[in-house]
Protein backbone atom coordinates (compact mmCIF):
# COMPACT_ATOMS: atom_id res chain seq x y z
CA MET A 1 0.00 0.00 0.00
CA PHE A 2 1.28 3.45 -0.92
CA GLU A 3 1.34 6.05 1.86
CA PHE A 4 1.98 9.77 1.75
CA SER A 5 4.15 11.48 4.34
CA ASN A 6 1.64 14.28 5.00
CA ASN A 7 -1.87 15.45 4.13
CA GLU A 8 -0.66 18.05 1.61
CA SER A 9 0.93 15.38 -0.57
CA TRP A 10 -2.32 13.41 -0.55
CA ARG A 11 -4.33 16.53 -1.37
CA SER A 12 -2.12 17.51 -4.32
CA ARG A 13 -2.11 13.92 -5.61
CA LYS A 14 -5.90 13.71 -5.34
CA MET A 15 -6.39 17.05 -7.11
CA SER A 16 -4.16 16.54 -10.14
CA LEU A 17 -5.51 17.69 -13.49
CA ARG A 18 -5.96 15.49 -16.50
CA ARG A 19 -5.84 16.47 -20.17
CA TYR A 20 -8.90 18.72 -20.38
CA GLY A 21 -8.10 20.47 -17.11
CA ILE A 22 -4.61 21.26 -18.39
CA LEU A 23 -6.02 22.51 -21.71
CA LEU A 24 -8.42 24.79 -19.80
CA LYS A 25 -5.65 26.05 -17.53
CA ASN A 26 -3.43 26.88 -20.52
CA TYR A 27 -6.36 28.58 -22.27
CA LEU A 28 -7.02 30.76 -19.23
CA LYS A 29 -3.32 31.64 -18.90
CA GLU A 30 -2.96 32.62 -22.55
CA VAL A 31 -6.37 34.05 -23.49
CA LYS A 32 -7.98 35.10 -20.19
CA PRO A 33 -5.04 36.14 -17.98
CA ILE A 34 -7.17 38.41 -15.77
CA LYS A 35 -9.59 35.60 -14.93
CA TYR A 36 -6.65 33.25 -14.36
CA SER A 37 -4.99 35.74 -12.02
CA LYS A 38 -8.21 36.38 -10.08
CA LEU A 39 -8.84 32.67 -9.58
CA THR A 40 -5.21 32.19 -8.51
CA ILE A 41 -5.26 35.11 -6.06
CA ASP A 42 -8.59 34.04 -4.57
CA GLY A 43 -7.27 30.47 -4.19
CA ASP A 44 -10.10 29.11 -6.33
CA LEU A 45 -8.13 28.07 -9.42
CA MET A 46 -7.81 24.36 -8.70
CA ASP A 47 -11.45 24.01 -7.60
CA TYR A 48 -12.57 25.82 -10.75
CA LEU A 49 -10.37 23.71 -13.01
CA LEU A 50 -11.44 20.42 -11.43
CA GLU A 51 -15.13 21.30 -11.66
CA GLU A 52 -14.89 22.42 -15.28
CA GLU A 53 -12.69 19.45 -16.17
CA LYS A 54 -15.39 17.10 -14.85
CA TYR A 55 -17.93 18.91 -17.04
CA LEU A 56 -15.62 18.69 -20.07
CA TYR A 57 -15.17 14.91 -19.70
CA GLU A 58 -18.94 14.47 -19.42
CA PHE A 59 -19.37 16.71 -22.47
CA ALA A 60 -16.79 14.65 -24.39
CA ASP A 61 -18.65 11.43 -23.56
CA ILE A 62 -21.92 12.88 -24.87
CA VAL A 63 -20.24 14.15 -28.03
CA ARG A 64 -18.58 10.76 -28.58
CA VAL A 65 -21.95 8.98 -28.39
CA TYR A 66 -23.48 11.53 -30.78
CA LEU A 67 -20.62 11.17 -33.27
CA LYS A 68 -20.68 7.37 -33.17
CA ASP A 69 -24.40 7.52 -33.85
CA THR A 70 -23.91 10.01 -36.70
CA TYR A 71 -20.90 8.13 -38.16
CA PRO A 72 -21.52 4.40 -37.51
CA GLU A 73 -18.59 2.02 -37.14
CA PRO A 74 -17.34 0.37 -40.32
CA LYS A 75 -18.74 -3.09 -40.87
CA THR A 76 -15.33 -4.70 -40.62
CA HIS A 77 -13.00 -5.81 -37.87
CA GLU A 78 -9.81 -4.93 -39.72
CA PHE A 79 -7.47 -3.34 -37.24
CA ILE A 80 -6.29 -0.49 -39.49
CA VAL A 81 -9.83 0.47 -40.53
CA MET A 82 -11.06 0.47 -36.93
CA ALA A 83 -8.00 2.42 -35.76
CA LYS A 84 -8.63 5.10 -38.39
CA TYR A 85 -12.30 5.27 -37.44
CA ASN A 86 -11.51 5.65 -33.73
CA GLN A 87 -8.85 8.25 -34.52
CA MET A 88 -11.40 10.22 -36.55
CA ILE A 89 -13.91 10.15 -33.68
CA ASP A 90 -11.25 11.10 -31.12
CA SER A 91 -10.09 13.99 -33.30
CA MET A 92 -13.64 15.29 -33.67
CA VAL A 93 -14.30 14.98 -29.93
CA GLU A 94 -11.09 16.91 -29.25
CA GLU A 95 -12.24 19.69 -31.58
CA PHE A 96 -15.64 19.91 -29.85
CA VAL A 97 -13.98 20.02 -26.40
CA ARG A 98 -11.53 22.75 -27.44
CA ASN A 99 -14.46 24.77 -28.79
CA GLU A 100 -16.34 24.25 -25.51
CA ILE A 101 -13.30 25.46 -23.54
CA THR A 102 -13.48 28.79 -25.37
CA LYS A 103 -17.12 29.09 -24.28
CA ILE A 104 -16.63 28.29 -20.59
CA GLY A 105 -13.23 29.90 -20.15
């Protein structure tokens, strides 16, 4: 079992950002620096990022279902064909999420 030496280490480990949280953080830094600074100064940045990241992953799941319904899987099990299909869906989901970040940021 893995143990942390203090509560702060556990807290920072528990509150680490994933891909969409990092994208949102970078967007705020680069495009909305005043909002980023205010959230940082108020100590609300991580809470904001984690909450919005959760929303973005839920949004991505919904978009993925919609896209798979709109663009059905190929009727083959060939690895290359399926890989290209999944890559297409992932790319489209990524584009939708990046667009959504500009709306919520």
